[in-house]
C-alpha atoms as a PDB file:
ATOM      1  CA  MET A   1    -107.426 129.065  68.829  1.00  0.00           C
ATOM      2  CA  GLU A   2    -105.689 127.072  71.655  1.00  0.00           C
ATOM      3  CA  PRO A   3    -102.010 125.838  69.447  1.00  0.00           C
ATOM      4  CA  ALA A   4    -101.793 122.083  69.091  1.00  0.00           C
ATOM      5  CA  ALA A   5     -99.246 119.654  71.402  1.00  0.00           C
ATOM      6  CA  PRO A   6     -95.813 119.784  70.453  1.00  0.00           C
ATOM      7  CA  GLY A   7     -95.227 117.979  67.209  1.00  0.00           C
ATOM      8  CA  GLU A   8     -99.195 117.410  66.544  1.00  0.00           C
ATOM      9  CA  GLU A   9     -99.777 120.204  63.914  1.00  0.00           C
ATOM     10  CA  SER A  10    -100.667 119.280  60.731  1.00  0.00           C
ATOM     11  CA  SER A  11    -101.094 121.223  57.253  1.00  0.00           C
ATOM     12  CA  SER A  12    -105.046 121.480  57.424  1.00  0.00           C
ATOM     13  CA  SER A  13    -104.423 122.980  60.969  1.00  0.00           C
ATOM     14  CA  GLN A  14    -101.642 125.590  59.194  1.00  0.00           C
ATOM     15  CA  SER A  15    -104.145 126.870  56.893  1.00  0.00           C
ATOM     16  CA  THR A  16    -107.078 127.535  59.892  1.00  0.00           C
ATOM     17  CA  ILE A  17    -105.067 130.136  61.502  1.00  0.00           C
ATOM     18  CA  LEU A  18    -105.591 133.582  61.206  1.00  0.00           C
ATOM     19  CA  PRO A  19    -103.180 136.193  59.462  1.00  0.00           C
ATOM     20  CA  THR A  20    -102.880 137.952  62.671  1.00  0.00           C
ATOM     21  CA  GLU A  21    -101.642 135.040  64.353  1.00  0.00           C
ATOM     22  CA  ARG A  22     -98.955 134.395  61.640  1.00  0.00           C
ATOM     23  CA  ALA A  23     -97.925 137.807  62.072  1.00  0.00           C
ATOM     24  CA  ALA A  24     -97.618 137.828  65.650  1.00  0.00           C
ATOM     25  CA  ALA A  25     -95.536 134.670  65.652  1.00  0.00           C
ATOM     26  CA  ALA A  26     -93.263 136.083  62.633  1.00  0.00           C
ATOM     27  CA  LEU A  27     -93.091 139.166  65.076  1.00  0.00           C
ATOM     28  CA  GLU A  28     -92.141 136.830  67.856  1.00  0.00           C
ATOM     29  CA  VAL A  29     -89.775 134.991  65.961  1.00  0.00           C
ATOM     30  CA  ILE A  30     -87.722 138.118  64.841  1.00  0.00           C
ATOM     31  CA  LEU A  31     -87.620 139.213  68.356  1.00  0.00           C
ATOM     32  CA  CYS A  32     -86.111 136.149  69.471  1.00  0.00           C
ATOM     33  CA  SER A  33     -83.675 135.972  66.315  1.00  0.00           C
ATOM     34  CA  GLY A  34     -81.142 137.462  68.530  1.00  0.00           C
ATOM     35  CA  PHE A  35     -80.207 140.563  66.277  1.00  0.00           C
ATOM     36  CA  PRO A  36     -82.647 143.109  67.786  1.00  0.00           C
ATOM     37  CA  THR A  37     -81.758 142.212  71.485  1.00  0.00           C
ATOM     38  CA  GLN A  38     -77.585 142.097  70.808  1.00  0.00           C
ATOM     39  CA  ILE A  39     -78.164 146.025  68.365  1.00  0.00           C
ATOM     40  CA  ILE A  40     -80.038 147.351  71.701  1.00  0.00           C
ATOM     41  CA  LEU A  41     -77.722 145.590  74.310  1.00  0.00           C
ATOM     42  CA  ILE A  42     -74.433 147.094  72.277  1.00  0.00           C
ATOM     43  CA  THR A  43     -75.997 150.438  72.340  1.00  0.00           C
ATOM     44  CA  VAL A  44     -76.638 150.640  75.790  1.00  0.00           C
ATOM     45  CA  LEU A  45     -73.307 148.991  76.559  1.00  0.00           C
ATOM     46  CA  THR A  46     -71.781 151.231  74.727  1.00  0.00           C
ATOM     47  CA  MET A  47     -73.276 154.529  76.162  1.00  0.00           C
ATOM     48  CA  PHE A  48     -72.297 153.257  79.467  1.00  0.00           C
ATOM     49  CA  GLY A  49     -68.601 153.352  78.129  1.00  0.00           C
ATOM     50  CA  MET A  50     -68.014 150.055  77.311  1.00  0.00           C
ATOM     51  CA  LYS A  51     -65.641 149.222  74.201  1.00  0.00           C
ATOM     52  CA  MET A  52     -66.220 146.501  72.214  1.00  0.00           C
ATOM     53  CA  GLN A  53     -62.740 146.275  70.889  1.00  0.00           C
ATOM     54  CA  LEU A  54     -59.335 146.384  72.864  1.00  0.00           C
ATOM     55  CA  SER A  55     -56.705 149.340  71.449  1.00  0.00           C
ATOM     56  CA  ASP A  56     -54.929 146.819  69.514  1.00  0.00           C
ATOM     57  CA  GLY A  57     -58.410 146.243  67.624  1.00  0.00           C
ATOM     58  CA  ARG A  58     -59.313 142.472  69.398  1.00  0.00           C
ATOM     59  CA  LEU A  59     -62.809 141.822  70.823  1.00  0.00           C
ATOM     60  CA  SER A  60     -62.984 142.995  74.358  1.00  0.00           C
ATOM     61  CA  PRO A  61     -63.340 139.787  76.064  1.00  0.00           C
ATOM     62  CA  PRO A  62     -65.453 142.170  79.164  1.00  0.00           C
ATOM     63  CA  PHE A  63     -67.800 143.538  76.524  1.00  0.00           C
ATOM     64  CA  VAL A  64     -68.354 140.279  75.164  1.00  0.00           C
ATOM     65  CA  PHE A  65     -69.024 138.420  78.191  1.00  0.00           C
ATOM     66  CA  THR A  66     -71.734 141.002  79.596  1.00  0.00           C
ATOM     67  CA  LEU A  67     -73.284 141.182  76.221  1.00  0.00           C
ATOM     68  CA  THR A  68     -73.618 137.213  76.348  1.00  0.00           C
ATOM     69  CA  ILE A  69     -74.720 137.121  79.542  1.00  0.00           C
ATOM     70  CA  ALA A  70     -77.212 140.120  79.142  1.00  0.00           C
ATOM     71  CA  ASP A  71     -78.565 138.743  75.678  1.00  0.00           C
ATOM     72  CA  THR A  72     -79.419 135.429  77.516  1.00  0.00           C
ATOM     73  CA  VAL A  73     -81.095 136.820  80.294  1.00  0.00           C
ATOM     74  CA  LEU A  74     -83.109 139.190  78.079  1.00  0.00           C
ATOM     75  CA  LEU A  75     -84.162 136.185  75.525  1.00  0.00           C
ATOM     76  CA  VAL A  76     -84.905 133.961  77.582  1.00  0.00           C
ATOM     77  CA  GLY A  77     -87.247 135.836  79.433  1.00  0.00           C
ATOM     78  CA  LEU A  78     -88.752 137.104  76.519  1.00  0.00           C
ATOM     79  CA  ILE A  79     -89.405 133.310  75.248  1.00  0.00           C
ATOM     80  CA  GLY A  80     -90.900 132.992  78.536  1.00  0.00           C
ATOM     81  CA  PHE A  81     -92.833 135.872  78.108  1.00  0.00           C
ATOM     82  CA  PHE A  82     -94.102 134.587  74.634  1.00  0.00           C
ATOM     83  CA  PHE A  83     -94.407 131.123  76.177  1.00  0.00           C
ATOM     84  CA  ARG A  84     -96.894 132.315  78.820  1.00  0.00           C
ATOM     85  CA  ALA A  85     -98.582 134.715  76.752  1.00  0.00           C
ATOM     86  CA  HIS A  86     -99.683 131.922  74.561  1.00  0.00           C
ATOM     87  CA  GLY A  87    -100.636 129.450  77.869  1.00  0.00           C
ATOM     88  CA  GLU A  88     -97.934 127.402  77.002  1.00  0.00           C
ATOM     89  CA  SER A  89     -95.637 125.987  79.717  1.00  0.00           C
ATOM     90  CA  MET A  90     -91.905 126.748  78.609  1.00  0.00           C
ATOM     91  CA  ARG A  91     -90.630 123.355  80.435  1.00  0.00           C
ATOM     92  CA  LEU A  92     -92.952 121.171  78.445  1.00  0.00           C
ATOM     93  CA  GLU A  93     -92.276 123.107  74.605  1.00  0.00           C
ATOM     94  CA  LEU A  94     -89.224 122.958  75.159  1.00  0.00           C
ATOM     95  CA  PHE A  95     -87.835 120.085  77.864  1.00  0.00           C
ATOM     96  CA  GLY A  96     -90.484 117.685  76.536  1.00  0.00           C
ATOM     97  CA  THR A  97     -92.495 115.829  79.108  1.00  0.00           C
ATOM     98  CA  ARG A  98     -89.336 114.341  81.195  1.00  0.00           C
ATOM     99  CA  THR A  99     -86.003 114.183  81.053  1.00  0.00           C
ATOM    100  CA  THR A 100     -84.640 111.116  81.122  1.00  0.00           C
ATOM    101  CA  ALA A 101     -80.895 109.648  81.192  1.00  0.00           C
ATOM    102  CA  ARG A 102     -80.843 108.755  77.728  1.00  0.00           C
ATOM    103  CA  ASP A 103     -80.868 112.439  76.684  1.00  0.00           C
ATOM    104  CA  PHE A 104     -78.179 113.198  78.817  1.00  0.00           C
ATOM    105  CA  VAL A 105     -76.227 110.537  77.123  1.00  0.00           C
ATOM    106  CA  PHE A 106     -77.460 111.426  74.144  1.00  0.00           C
ATOM    107  CA  GLY A 107     -75.933 114.874  74.522  1.00  0.00           C
ATOM    108  CA  LEU A 108     -72.678 113.537  74.925  1.00  0.00           C
ATOM    109  CA  VAL A 109     -72.515 111.377  71.990  1.00  0.00           C
ATOM    110  CA  LEU A 110     -73.544 114.736  69.627  1.00  0.00           C
ATOM    111  CA  ILE A 111     -69.971 116.508  70.931  1.00  0.00           C
ATOM    112  CA  PRO A 112     -67.334 113.712  68.663  1.00  0.00           C
ATOM    113  CA  ALA A 113     -70.841 113.510  66.367  1.00  0.00           C
ATOM    114  CA  SER A 114     -70.722 117.653  66.006  1.00  0.00           C
ATOM    115  CA  PHE A 115     -66.790 117.425  65.024  1.00  0.00           C
ATOM    116  CA  PHE A 116     -67.226 114.973  62.683  1.00  0.00           C
ATOM    117  CA  LEU A 117     -69.748 116.503  60.894  1.00  0.00           C
ATOM    118  CA  ILE A 118     -68.258 120.014  60.504  1.00  0.00           C
ATOM    119  CA  LEU A 119     -64.905 118.440  60.027  1.00  0.00           C
ATOM    120  CA  VAL A 120     -66.380 116.760  56.543  1.00  0.00           C
ATOM    121  CA  VAL A 121     -68.345 119.973  55.776  1.00  0.00           C
ATOM    122  CA  LEU A 122     -65.520 121.763  55.949  1.00  0.00           C
ATOM    123  CA  LEU A 123     -63.348 119.334  54.640  1.00  0.00           C
ATOM    124  CA  LEU A 124     -65.389 119.068  51.167  1.00  0.00           C
ATOM    125  CA  LEU A 125     -65.696 123.131  51.272  1.00  0.00           C
ATOM    126  CA  HIS A 126     -61.862 123.252  51.286  1.00  0.00           C
ATOM    127  CA  VAL A 127     -61.343 121.005  48.213  1.00  0.00           C
ATOM    128  CA  SER A 128     -64.765 121.666  46.287  1.00  0.00           C
ATOM    129  CA  VAL A 129     -64.797 125.732  47.159  1.00  0.00           C
ATOM    130  CA  PRO A 130     -61.548 126.931  48.227  1.00  0.00           C
ATOM    131  CA  ALA A 131     -62.654 130.154  47.722  1.00  0.00           C
ATOM    132  CA  LEU A 132     -65.109 130.305  50.647  1.00  0.00           C
ATOM    133  CA  HIS A 133     -61.918 129.885  52.987  1.00  0.00           C
ATOM    134  CA  ASN A 134     -61.305 133.347  52.844  1.00  0.00           C
ATOM    135  CA  ILE A 135     -60.616 134.185  56.667  1.00  0.00           C
ATOM    136  CA  PRO A 136     -57.424 132.299  57.821  1.00  0.00           C
ATOM    137  CA  HIS A 137     -57.244 133.402  61.409  1.00  0.00           C
ATOM    138  CA  ASN A 138     -60.393 132.522  63.703  1.00  0.00           C
ATOM    139  CA  PRO A 139     -61.029 136.304  65.202  1.00  0.00           C
ATOM    140  CA  LEU A 140     -62.792 134.913  68.504  1.00  0.00           C
ATOM    141  CA  SER A 141     -59.124 133.043  69.320  1.00  0.00           C
ATOM    142  CA  ASP A 142     -58.168 136.388  70.067  1.00  0.00           C
ATOM    143  CA  LEU A 143     -60.255 136.662  72.990  1.00  0.00           C
ATOM    144  CA  VAL A 144     -58.160 134.066  74.970  1.00  0.00           C
ATOM    145  CA  LYS A 145     -55.108 135.547  75.363  1.00  0.00           C
ATOM    146  CA  THR A 146     -55.004 134.769  79.563  1.00  0.00           C
ATOM    147  CA  ARG A 147     -56.103 132.144  82.172  1.00  0.00           C
ATOM    148  CA  THR A 148     -59.100 134.821  82.962  1.00  0.00           C
ATOM    149  CA  ASP A 149     -60.249 135.400  79.381  1.00  0.00           C
ATOM    150  CA  ALA A 150     -60.315 131.553  78.590  1.00  0.00           C
ATOM    151  CA  VAL A 151     -62.743 131.218  81.800  1.00  0.00           C
ATOM    152  CA  MET A 152     -64.812 134.138  80.633  1.00  0.00           C
ATOM    153  CA  PHE A 153     -64.808 132.700  76.914  1.00  0.00           C
ATOM    154  CA  ALA A 154     -65.646 129.390  78.581  1.00  0.00           C
ATOM    155  CA  LEU A 155     -68.741 130.593  80.224  1.00  0.00           C
ATOM    156  CA  VAL A 156     -69.910 132.627  77.077  1.00  0.00           C
ATOM    157  CA  VAL A 157     -69.969 129.795  74.664  1.00  0.00           C
ATOM    158  CA  VAL A 158     -71.488 127.557  77.106  1.00  0.00           C
ATOM    159  CA  ILE A 159     -74.132 130.339  78.530  1.00  0.00           C
ATOM    160  CA  GLY A 160     -74.701 131.727  75.237  1.00  0.00           C
ATOM    161  CA  GLY A 161     -74.338 128.939  72.827  1.00  0.00           C
ATOM    162  CA  GLY A 162     -75.231 125.769  74.898  1.00  0.00           C
ATOM    163  CA  VAL A 163     -77.918 127.695  76.513  1.00  0.00           C
ATOM    164  CA  ARG A 164     -79.239 130.560  74.811  1.00  0.00           C
ATOM    165  CA  GLU A 165     -78.923 129.175  71.005  1.00  0.00           C
ATOM    166  CA  GLU A 166     -80.784 126.497  71.659  1.00  0.00           C
ATOM    167  CA  LEU A 167     -83.425 127.906  74.021  1.00  0.00           C
ATOM    168  CA  GLN A 168     -83.929 130.092  71.046  1.00  0.00           C
ATOM    169  CA  ARG A 169     -83.833 127.595  68.065  1.00  0.00           C
ATOM    170  CA  GLY A 170     -86.231 125.683  70.688  1.00  0.00           C
ATOM    171  CA  PHE A 171     -88.465 128.254  70.438  1.00  0.00           C
ATOM    172  CA  VAL A 172     -88.594 129.717  66.774  1.00  0.00           C
ATOM    173  CA  LEU A 173     -88.625 126.104  65.602  1.00  0.00           C
ATOM    174  CA  ARG A 174     -92.236 125.722  67.527  1.00  0.00           C
ATOM    175  CA  ARG A 175     -93.189 128.952  66.246  1.00  0.00           C
ATOM    176  CA  PHE A 176     -92.812 127.653  62.716  1.00  0.00           C
ATOM    177  CA  GLU A 177     -94.473 124.475  63.464  1.00  0.00           C
ATOM    178  CA  GLN A 178     -97.402 125.930  64.830  1.00  0.00           C
ATOM    179  CA  TYR A 179     -97.935 128.997  62.624  1.00  0.00           C
ATOM    180  CA  LEU A 180     -95.157 130.028  59.951  1.00  0.00           C
ATOM    181  CA  GLY A 181     -95.454 126.775  57.409  1.00  0.00           C
ATOM    182  CA  GLY A 182     -93.874 123.909  59.706  1.00  0.00           C
ATOM    183  CA  GLY A 183     -90.936 122.791  61.395  1.00  0.00           C
ATOM    184  CA  ALA A 184     -89.407 121.908  58.278  1.00  0.00           C
ATOM    185  CA  ALA A 185     -89.310 125.854  57.094  1.00  0.00           C
ATOM    186  CA  GLY A 186     -88.131 126.727  60.137  1.00  0.00           C
ATOM    187  CA  LEU A 187     -85.482 124.715  60.351  1.00  0.00           C
ATOM    188  CA  VAL A 188     -84.279 126.102  57.162  1.00  0.00           C
ATOM    189  CA  ILE A 189     -84.757 129.557  57.706  1.00  0.00           C
ATOM    190  CA  PHE A 190     -83.155 129.542  61.020  1.00  0.00           C
ATOM    191  CA  SER A 191     -79.857 127.478  60.175  1.00  0.00           C
ATOM    192  CA  ALA A 192     -79.204 130.137  57.522  1.00  0.00           C
ATOM    193  CA  MET A 193     -79.667 132.824  60.090  1.00  0.00           C
ATOM    194  CA  PHE A 194     -77.133 130.789  62.196  1.00  0.00           C
ATOM    195  CA  GLY A 195     -74.713 130.448  60.072  1.00  0.00           C
ATOM    196  CA  LEU A 196     -75.387 134.399  58.776  1.00  0.00           C
ATOM    197  CA  GLY A 197     -73.901 135.007  62.422  1.00  0.00           C
ATOM    198  CA  HIS A 198     -70.677 133.142  62.170  1.00  0.00           C
ATOM    199  CA  LEU A 199     -69.841 135.171  58.955  1.00  0.00           C
ATOM    200  CA  GLU A 200     -66.545 137.016  61.037  1.00  0.00           C
ATOM    201  CA  GLN A 201     -64.971 133.581  61.242  1.00  0.00           C
ATOM    202  CA  GLY A 202     -65.384 132.802  57.664  1.00  0.00           C
ATOM    203  CA  ARG A 203     -67.904 132.268  54.641  1.00  0.00           C
ATOM    204  CA  ASP A 204     -67.077 128.283  55.078  1.00  0.00           C
ATOM    205  CA  VAL A 205     -67.282 128.398  58.652  1.00  0.00           C
ATOM    206  CA  ALA A 206     -70.722 130.121  58.352  1.00  0.00           C
ATOM    207  CA  LEU A 207     -71.834 127.261  56.199  1.00  0.00           C
ATOM    208  CA  GLY A 208     -70.285 124.949  58.392  1.00  0.00           C
ATOM    209  CA  THR A 209     -71.804 126.285  61.186  1.00  0.00           C
ATOM    210  CA  ALA A 210     -75.568 126.716  59.473  1.00  0.00           C
ATOM    211  CA  VAL A 211     -75.356 122.739  58.490  1.00  0.00           C
ATOM    212  CA  LEU A 212     -74.456 122.150  62.620  1.00  0.00           C
ATOM    213  CA  GLY A 213     -77.621 124.388  63.428  1.00  0.00           C
ATOM    214  CA  ALA A 214     -79.459 122.140  61.112  1.00  0.00           C
ATOM    215  CA  PHE A 215     -78.353 119.223  62.803  1.00  0.00           C
ATOM    216  CA  TRP A 216     -79.203 120.398  66.434  1.00  0.00           C
ATOM    217  CA  GLY A 217     -82.374 121.541  65.220  1.00  0.00           C
ATOM    218  CA  SER A 218     -83.591 118.819  63.853  1.00  0.00           C
ATOM    219  CA  ILE A 219     -82.689 116.823  66.472  1.00  0.00           C
ATOM    220  CA  PHE A 220     -85.000 118.671  68.286  1.00  0.00           C
ATOM    221  CA  LEU A 221     -87.835 118.122  66.121  1.00  0.00           C
ATOM    222  CA  ARG A 222     -87.324 114.632  66.320  1.00  0.00           C
ATOM    223  CA  ARG A 223     -86.913 114.186  70.187  1.00  0.00           C
ATOM    224  CA  ARG A 224     -89.065 117.125  70.989  1.00  0.00           C
ATOM    225  CA  THR A 225     -86.194 118.460  73.906  1.00  0.00           C
ATOM    226  CA  VAL A 226     -83.951 120.971  73.382  1.00  0.00           C
ATOM    227  CA  LEU A 227     -81.688 119.371  76.247  1.00  0.00           C
ATOM    228  CA  PRO A 228     -79.173 116.842  73.956  1.00  0.00           C
ATOM    229  CA  ALA A 229     -78.605 119.739  71.721  1.00  0.00           C
ATOM    230  CA  MET A 230     -77.643 121.887  74.472  1.00  0.00           C
ATOM    231  CA  ILE A 231     -75.094 119.263  75.765  1.00  0.00           C
ATOM    232  CA  GLY A 232     -73.704 118.680  72.919  1.00  0.00           C
ATOM    233  CA  HIS A 233     -73.535 122.503  71.839  1.00  0.00           C
ATOM    234  CA  ALA A 234     -71.972 123.417  75.433  1.00  0.00           C
ATOM    235  CA  GLY A 235     -69.634 120.563  74.623  1.00  0.00           C
ATOM    236  CA  PHE A 236     -68.399 121.498  71.003  1.00  0.00           C
ATOM    237  CA  ASN A 237     -67.976 125.229  71.912  1.00  0.00           C
ATOM    238  CA  LEU A 238     -65.989 124.318  74.746  1.00  0.00           C
ATOM    239  CA  ALA A 239     -63.855 121.968  72.845  1.00  0.00           C
ATOM    240  CA  GLN A 240     -63.094 125.039  70.815  1.00  0.00           C
ATOM    241  CA  VAL A 241     -62.000 127.165  73.729  1.00  0.00           C
ATOM    242  CA  VAL A 242     -59.172 124.484  74.724  1.00  0.00           C
ATOM    243  CA  ASN A 243     -58.248 124.616  71.196  1.00  0.00           C
ATOM    244  CA  PHE A 244     -57.996 128.252  71.048  1.00  0.00           C
ATOM    245  CA  VAL A 245     -55.916 127.800  74.512  1.00  0.00           C
ATOM    246  CA  VAL A 246     -53.566 125.120  73.080  1.00  0.00           C
ATOM    247  CA  LEU A 247     -53.166 126.043  69.696  1.00  0.00           C
ATOM    248  CA  GLY A 248     -53.884 129.844  69.832  1.00  0.00           C
ATOM    249  CA  THR A 249     -56.530 128.936  66.498  1.00  0.00           C
END
């Protein structure tokens, strides 16, 4: 059966989807979740002699940079392949029928909005459940020790965060809308996974990041384009890099 156009799925159409179609969609979501591709790439890079950590125990900036670029290429290729296999247009599914100046402006507005949201969430968590703040020093700040590190990390957070993760989020939410119980279910599940991917920064940061992921995902479901969230996410991450460079935290 042909998938419905973006945003047109209904509960009745969900009930007519074959089990094999749901299974195939679930497999696509798993493969594009980021975990399988990164495990494969980490194994390959390690086999070629690259080390994940430096002698002092810090994450290796060249390793993280190479992993992020390679994972972005692999994930975007997979997403494009799966869309084509269903006879869908990646551009239409993830960016809508047209891009407007309003999308760009809205994306810029999302940068301070994202900061406000994460600050409120972290403040509430620190007041109500202080034990969640289990990692006082953000380990990612150790990636930025030199000017070269800062440039590499800035590229990583833009490409790996702003581009890869928002394309990934849009794809996963579309598959949930079409085959796996609806966009709301996808938003909850993928936001939880997004937060778990940041546990190395602390349990409080992981929860705050899950909320941010839900925020960006809800914007895609509302506007039918990943562009605003992509700009907001990239800008938010770049500001974090500046914070690492200036304050070292």
